[in-house]
């Protein structure tokens, strides 16, 4: 299993490039970071960790405050934390994030077998 993401700025419909994303794994009641990555020019990270991950509970932390501050845009959220549990489905997990200065939406996306990340 691997976790991929795609981030779109819903105020302009464009991918969010160079956004810092940190993956944390639940371990004995704490959440140590297990991987850090940045989105590419299409707003994607094909595999946040770069390797298969064991089943379990994870958190994706998107550094949205940095993104909006670099653009001098006032925003409500300094980071978006998506907590998720991977129960054992053998497919990869894709987490799209639609972002604006005062709201965000996320959902479980679909990664076709022939592509690393879907276009949603």
N, C-alpha and C. Protein backbone atom coordinates (compact mmCIF):
# COMPACT_ATOMS: atom_id res chain seq x y z
N UNK A 1 0.83 -1.18 0.00
CA UNK A 1 0.00 0.00 0.00
C UNK A 1 0.87 1.24 0.00
N UNK A 2 0.45 2.22 -0.75
CA UNK A 2 1.10 3.52 -0.69
C UNK A 2 0.01 4.59 -0.68
N UNK A 3 0.39 5.79 -0.25
CA UNK A 3 -0.54 6.90 -0.18
C UNK A 3 -0.08 7.98 -1.14
N UNK A 4 -0.99 8.38 -2.04
CA UNK A 4 -0.71 9.47 -2.96
C UNK A 4 -1.67 10.62 -2.68
N UNK A 5 -1.29 11.82 -3.11
CA UNK A 5 -2.15 12.99 -2.91
C UNK A 5 -2.15 13.85 -4.16
N UNK A 6 -3.16 14.69 -4.25
CA UNK A 6 -3.22 15.75 -5.25
C UNK A 6 -3.92 16.91 -4.59
N UNK A 7 -3.35 18.11 -4.74
CA UNK A 7 -3.89 19.31 -4.12
C UNK A 7 -4.22 20.32 -5.21
N UNK A 8 -5.46 20.79 -5.17
CA UNK A 8 -5.95 21.81 -6.11
C UNK A 8 -6.41 23.03 -5.33
N UNK A 9 -6.00 24.22 -5.77
CA UNK A 9 -6.50 25.47 -5.19
C UNK A 9 -7.84 25.74 -5.86
N UNK A 10 -8.91 25.58 -5.12
CA UNK A 10 -10.25 25.69 -5.71
C UNK A 10 -10.64 27.14 -6.00
N UNK A 11 -9.88 28.11 -5.52
CA UNK A 11 -10.20 29.51 -5.85
C UNK A 11 -9.81 29.85 -7.27
N UNK A 12 -8.81 29.14 -7.81
CA UNK A 12 -8.40 29.42 -9.19
C UNK A 12 -8.36 28.18 -10.07
N UNK A 13 -8.67 27.01 -9.49
CA UNK A 13 -8.72 25.78 -10.27
C UNK A 13 -7.36 25.26 -10.67
N UNK A 14 -6.31 25.71 -10.01
CA UNK A 14 -4.95 25.31 -10.39
C UNK A 14 -4.34 24.36 -9.36
N UNK A 15 -3.41 23.53 -9.82
CA UNK A 15 -2.70 22.65 -8.89
C UNK A 15 -1.87 23.49 -7.91
N UNK A 16 -1.71 22.97 -6.71
CA UNK A 16 -0.87 23.62 -5.71
C UNK A 16 0.50 22.95 -5.76
N UNK A 17 1.45 23.65 -6.37
CA UNK A 17 2.81 23.12 -6.52
C UNK A 17 3.65 23.46 -5.29
N UNK A 18 4.59 22.58 -5.00
CA UNK A 18 5.60 22.78 -3.96
C UNK A 18 5.00 22.93 -2.56
N UNK A 19 3.88 22.25 -2.29
CA UNK A 19 3.26 22.26 -0.97
C UNK A 19 3.89 21.17 -0.11
N UNK A 20 4.34 21.52 1.08
CA UNK A 20 4.92 20.54 2.00
C UNK A 20 3.83 19.64 2.57
N UNK A 21 4.07 18.34 2.54
CA UNK A 21 3.16 17.34 3.09
C UNK A 21 3.97 16.37 3.94
N UNK A 22 3.51 16.15 5.16
CA UNK A 22 4.20 15.22 6.07
C UNK A 22 3.25 14.07 6.40
N UNK A 23 3.77 12.87 6.36
CA UNK A 23 3.01 11.68 6.71
C UNK A 23 3.43 11.23 8.11
N UNK A 24 2.44 11.02 8.98
CA UNK A 24 2.68 10.53 10.34
C UNK A 24 1.97 9.20 10.50
N UNK A 25 2.56 8.30 11.27
CA UNK A 25 1.94 7.00 11.56
C UNK A 25 1.67 6.90 13.05
N UNK A 26 0.52 6.36 13.40
CA UNK A 26 0.20 6.18 14.82
C UNK A 26 1.07 5.07 15.38
N UNK A 27 1.74 5.40 16.50
CA UNK A 27 2.66 4.45 17.10
C UNK A 27 2.63 4.62 18.61
N UNK A 28 2.02 3.68 19.31
CA UNK A 28 1.95 3.72 20.78
C UNK A 28 1.39 5.05 21.31
N UNK A 29 0.33 5.54 20.70
CA UNK A 29 -0.34 6.74 21.17
C UNK A 29 0.25 8.05 20.69
N UNK A 30 1.33 8.00 19.94
CA UNK A 30 1.91 9.23 19.39
C UNK A 30 1.89 9.17 17.86
N UNK A 31 2.29 10.25 17.22
CA UNK A 31 2.23 10.36 15.76
C UNK A 31 3.58 10.80 15.19
N UNK A 32 4.60 9.95 15.21
CA UNK A 32 5.88 10.36 14.64
C UNK A 32 5.79 10.51 13.12
N UNK A 33 6.56 11.46 12.60
CA UNK A 33 6.63 11.64 11.15
C UNK A 33 7.41 10.49 10.54
N UNK A 34 6.87 9.94 9.44
CA UNK A 34 7.56 8.85 8.76
C UNK A 34 8.04 9.24 7.37
N UNK A 35 7.52 10.35 6.85
CA UNK A 35 7.94 10.80 5.52
C UNK A 35 7.55 12.26 5.31
N UNK A 36 8.35 12.94 4.52
CA UNK A 36 8.06 14.32 4.13
C UNK A 36 8.26 14.42 2.63
N UNK A 37 7.38 15.19 2.00
CA UNK A 37 7.49 15.35 0.55
C UNK A 37 6.87 16.69 0.17
N UNK A 38 6.99 17.05 -1.12
CA UNK A 38 6.38 18.28 -1.62
C UNK A 38 5.66 17.93 -2.93
N UNK A 39 4.55 18.62 -3.17
CA UNK A 39 3.81 18.37 -4.40
C UNK A 39 4.61 18.84 -5.60
N UNK A 40 4.39 18.17 -6.73
CA UNK A 40 5.06 18.57 -7.97
C UNK A 40 4.28 19.69 -8.65
N UNK A 41 4.65 20.05 -9.86
CA UNK A 41 4.00 21.16 -10.57
C UNK A 41 2.53 20.88 -10.88
N UNK A 42 2.13 19.60 -10.85
CA UNK A 42 0.73 19.24 -11.08
C UNK A 42 -0.03 19.09 -9.76
N UNK A 43 0.60 19.46 -8.64
CA UNK A 43 -0.04 19.35 -7.32
C UNK A 43 -0.08 17.92 -6.79
N UNK A 44 0.75 17.03 -7.33
CA UNK A 44 0.69 15.61 -6.98
C UNK A 44 1.93 15.14 -6.23
N UNK A 45 1.71 14.13 -5.43
CA UNK A 45 2.78 13.31 -4.88
C UNK A 45 2.35 11.87 -5.16
N UNK A 46 3.09 11.19 -6.01
CA UNK A 46 2.72 9.83 -6.41
C UNK A 46 2.76 8.83 -5.28
N UNK A 47 3.70 9.00 -4.35
CA UNK A 47 3.78 8.15 -3.16
C UNK A 47 4.44 8.99 -2.08
N UNK A 48 3.66 9.36 -1.07
CA UNK A 48 4.16 10.25 -0.02
C UNK A 48 5.38 9.64 0.67
N UNK A 49 5.37 8.34 0.86
CA UNK A 49 6.44 7.67 1.58
C UNK A 49 7.50 7.08 0.65
N UNK A 50 7.14 6.81 -0.58
CA UNK A 50 8.09 6.23 -1.52
C UNK A 50 8.25 4.73 -1.38
N UNK A 51 7.47 4.12 -0.49
CA UNK A 51 7.53 2.67 -0.31
C UNK A 51 6.19 2.17 0.22
N UNK A 52 6.02 0.87 0.21
CA UNK A 52 4.79 0.28 0.74
C UNK A 52 4.72 0.53 2.24
N UNK A 53 3.52 0.81 2.71
CA UNK A 53 3.30 1.06 4.13
C UNK A 53 2.46 -0.05 4.74
N UNK A 54 2.67 -0.35 6.01
CA UNK A 54 1.81 -1.35 6.66
C UNK A 54 0.43 -0.76 6.92
N UNK A 55 -0.54 -1.64 7.07
CA UNK A 55 -1.89 -1.20 7.41
C UNK A 55 -1.86 -0.48 8.75
N UNK A 56 -2.72 0.52 8.92
CA UNK A 56 -2.74 1.21 10.20
C UNK A 56 -3.34 2.60 10.08
N UNK A 57 -3.13 3.39 11.12
CA UNK A 57 -3.66 4.75 11.17
C UNK A 57 -2.56 5.74 10.80
N UNK A 58 -2.92 6.72 9.96
CA UNK A 58 -1.98 7.69 9.46
C UNK A 58 -2.59 9.09 9.52
N UNK A 59 -1.70 10.08 9.46
CA UNK A 59 -2.12 11.48 9.31
C UNK A 59 -1.28 12.10 8.21
N UNK A 60 -1.97 12.80 7.33
CA UNK A 60 -1.32 13.64 6.34
C UNK A 60 -1.44 15.07 6.83
N UNK A 61 -0.34 15.78 6.92
CA UNK A 61 -0.35 17.17 7.35
C UNK A 61 0.11 18.02 6.17
N UNK A 62 -0.81 18.85 5.67
CA UNK A 62 -0.55 19.74 4.54
C UNK A 62 -0.22 21.13 5.09
N UNK A 63 0.93 21.69 4.73
CA UNK A 63 1.35 22.99 5.25
C UNK A 63 0.72 24.12 4.42
N UNK A 64 -0.57 24.30 4.62
CA UNK A 64 -1.32 25.29 3.84
C UNK A 64 -0.99 26.72 4.25
N UNK A 65 -0.58 26.94 5.49
CA UNK A 65 -0.22 28.28 5.94
C UNK A 65 0.94 28.84 5.13
N UNK A 66 1.95 28.01 4.90
CA UNK A 66 3.10 28.41 4.09
C UNK A 66 2.65 28.79 2.67
N UNK A 67 1.79 27.97 2.09
CA UNK A 67 1.31 28.21 0.72
C UNK A 67 0.61 29.57 0.62
N UNK A 68 -0.32 29.85 1.52
CA UNK A 68 -1.06 31.11 1.45
C UNK A 68 -0.18 32.31 1.83
N UNK A 69 0.71 32.14 2.81
CA UNK A 69 1.59 33.23 3.22
C UNK A 69 2.50 33.66 2.07
N UNK A 70 3.01 32.69 1.31
CA UNK A 70 3.87 33.01 0.16
C UNK A 70 3.13 33.83 -0.90
N UNK A 71 1.83 33.74 -0.91
CA UNK A 71 1.00 34.46 -1.88
C UNK A 71 0.33 35.70 -1.26
N UNK A 72 0.67 35.99 -0.02
CA UNK A 72 0.09 37.13 0.72
C UNK A 72 -1.44 37.06 0.73
N UNK A 73 -1.95 35.85 0.96
CA UNK A 73 -3.39 35.62 1.03
C UNK A 73 -3.77 35.30 2.47
N UNK A 74 -4.70 36.07 3.03
CA UNK A 74 -5.19 35.79 4.37
C UNK A 74 -5.96 34.47 4.33
N UNK A 75 -5.70 33.60 5.31
CA UNK A 75 -6.39 32.31 5.33
C UNK A 75 -6.67 31.89 6.77
N UNK A 76 -7.60 30.99 6.92
CA UNK A 76 -8.01 30.50 8.24
C UNK A 76 -7.12 29.36 8.73
N UNK A 77 -6.75 28.46 7.84
CA UNK A 77 -6.07 27.24 8.24
C UNK A 77 -4.57 27.33 7.99
N UNK A 78 -3.77 27.15 9.05
CA UNK A 78 -2.32 27.12 8.89
C UNK A 78 -1.83 25.75 8.42
N UNK A 79 -2.64 24.74 8.70
CA UNK A 79 -2.36 23.41 8.19
C UNK A 79 -3.67 22.64 8.10
N UNK A 80 -3.67 21.66 7.22
CA UNK A 80 -4.81 20.75 7.11
C UNK A 80 -4.31 19.38 7.51
N UNK A 81 -4.98 18.78 8.48
CA UNK A 81 -4.60 17.45 8.96
C UNK A 81 -5.70 16.48 8.56
N UNK A 82 -5.34 15.49 7.79
CA UNK A 82 -6.28 14.45 7.38
C UNK A 82 -5.86 13.16 8.09
N UNK A 83 -6.67 12.74 9.05
CA UNK A 83 -6.41 11.50 9.77
C UNK A 83 -7.19 10.39 9.09
N UNK A 84 -6.53 9.26 8.87
CA UNK A 84 -7.19 8.18 8.15
C UNK A 84 -6.70 6.84 8.67
N UNK A 85 -7.52 5.84 8.45
CA UNK A 85 -7.15 4.46 8.81
C UNK A 85 -7.21 3.62 7.56
N UNK A 86 -6.17 2.89 7.32
CA UNK A 86 -6.13 1.98 6.19
C UNK A 86 -6.42 0.57 6.71
N UNK A 87 -7.63 0.02 6.45
CA UNK A 87 -8.07 -1.23 7.07
C UNK A 87 -7.58 -2.52 6.42
N UNK A 88 -6.90 -2.43 5.29
CA UNK A 88 -6.42 -3.67 4.71
C UNK A 88 -6.79 -3.88 3.26
N UNK A 89 -7.41 -2.92 2.63
CA UNK A 89 -7.71 -2.99 1.20
C UNK A 89 -6.38 -3.05 0.46
N UNK A 90 -6.20 -3.97 -0.48
CA UNK A 90 -4.90 -4.12 -1.13
C UNK A 90 -4.57 -3.00 -2.13
N UNK A 91 -5.48 -2.10 -2.41
CA UNK A 91 -5.19 -1.04 -3.38
C UNK A 91 -4.48 0.13 -2.71
N UNK A 92 -3.89 0.98 -3.55
CA UNK A 92 -3.27 2.20 -3.05
C UNK A 92 -4.34 3.17 -2.59
N UNK A 93 -3.96 4.10 -1.75
CA UNK A 93 -4.88 5.09 -1.21
C UNK A 93 -4.53 6.45 -1.79
N UNK A 94 -5.50 7.10 -2.42
CA UNK A 94 -5.30 8.43 -3.01
C UNK A 94 -6.17 9.43 -2.27
N UNK A 95 -5.56 10.53 -1.82
CA UNK A 95 -6.26 11.53 -1.02
C UNK A 95 -6.18 12.89 -1.72
N UNK A 96 -7.21 13.27 -2.48
CA UNK A 96 -7.25 14.60 -3.07
C UNK A 96 -7.64 15.64 -2.01
N UNK A 97 -7.07 16.84 -2.13
CA UNK A 97 -7.41 17.95 -1.25
C UNK A 97 -7.75 19.15 -2.12
N UNK A 98 -8.98 19.64 -1.98
CA UNK A 98 -9.42 20.86 -2.66
C UNK A 98 -9.34 21.97 -1.62
N UNK A 99 -8.56 22.99 -1.92
CA UNK A 99 -8.16 23.97 -0.92
C UNK A 99 -8.56 25.38 -1.32
N UNK A 100 -9.03 26.16 -0.35
CA UNK A 100 -9.23 27.60 -0.52
C UNK A 100 -8.83 28.26 0.79
N UNK A 101 -8.72 29.58 0.85
CA UNK A 101 -8.25 30.23 2.08
C UNK A 101 -9.12 29.97 3.30
N UNK A 102 -10.41 29.68 3.10
CA UNK A 102 -11.31 29.54 4.25
C UNK A 102 -12.08 28.24 4.28
N UNK A 103 -11.69 27.28 3.45
CA UNK A 103 -12.32 25.96 3.49
C UNK A 103 -11.44 24.95 2.78
N UNK A 104 -11.74 23.68 3.02
CA UNK A 104 -11.09 22.61 2.28
C UNK A 104 -12.02 21.40 2.24
N UNK A 105 -11.79 20.56 1.24
CA UNK A 105 -12.56 19.33 1.08
C UNK A 105 -11.59 18.22 0.72
N UNK A 106 -11.81 17.06 1.27
CA UNK A 106 -10.99 15.90 0.92
C UNK A 106 -11.91 14.68 0.82
N UNK A 107 -11.44 13.67 0.15
CA UNK A 107 -12.21 12.45 -0.02
C UNK A 107 -11.25 11.33 -0.42
N UNK A 108 -11.73 10.11 -0.41
CA UNK A 108 -10.91 9.00 -0.90
C UNK A 108 -11.02 8.96 -2.42
N UNK A 109 -9.91 9.16 -3.06
CA UNK A 109 -9.87 9.12 -4.52
C UNK A 109 -9.59 7.71 -5.01
N UNK A 110 -9.48 7.59 -6.30
CA UNK A 110 -9.26 6.30 -6.94
C UNK A 110 -7.98 6.36 -7.75
N UNK A 111 -7.13 5.36 -7.61
CA UNK A 111 -5.91 5.26 -8.39
C UNK A 111 -6.06 4.07 -9.33
N UNK A 112 -6.27 4.34 -10.62
CA UNK A 112 -6.36 3.23 -11.57
C UNK A 112 -5.05 2.44 -11.59
N UNK A 113 -5.13 1.16 -11.88
CA UNK A 113 -3.93 0.32 -11.89
C UNK A 113 -2.88 0.80 -12.89
N UNK A 114 -3.31 1.47 -13.95
CA UNK A 114 -2.38 1.90 -14.99
C UNK A 114 -1.81 3.28 -14.75
N UNK A 115 -2.22 3.97 -13.68
CA UNK A 115 -1.71 5.32 -13.42
C UNK A 115 -1.28 5.44 -11.97
N UNK A 116 -0.27 6.27 -11.72
CA UNK A 116 0.21 6.46 -10.36
C UNK A 116 -0.76 7.30 -9.53
N UNK A 117 -1.40 8.29 -10.16
CA UNK A 117 -2.32 9.18 -9.44
C UNK A 117 -3.43 9.57 -10.39
N UNK A 118 -4.68 9.58 -9.87
CA UNK A 118 -5.77 9.96 -10.75
C UNK A 118 -5.77 11.47 -10.96
N UNK A 119 -6.59 11.95 -11.85
CA UNK A 119 -6.59 13.37 -12.19
C UNK A 119 -7.63 14.16 -11.44
N UNK A 120 -8.26 13.55 -10.45
CA UNK A 120 -9.27 14.27 -9.66
C UNK A 120 -8.64 15.27 -8.75
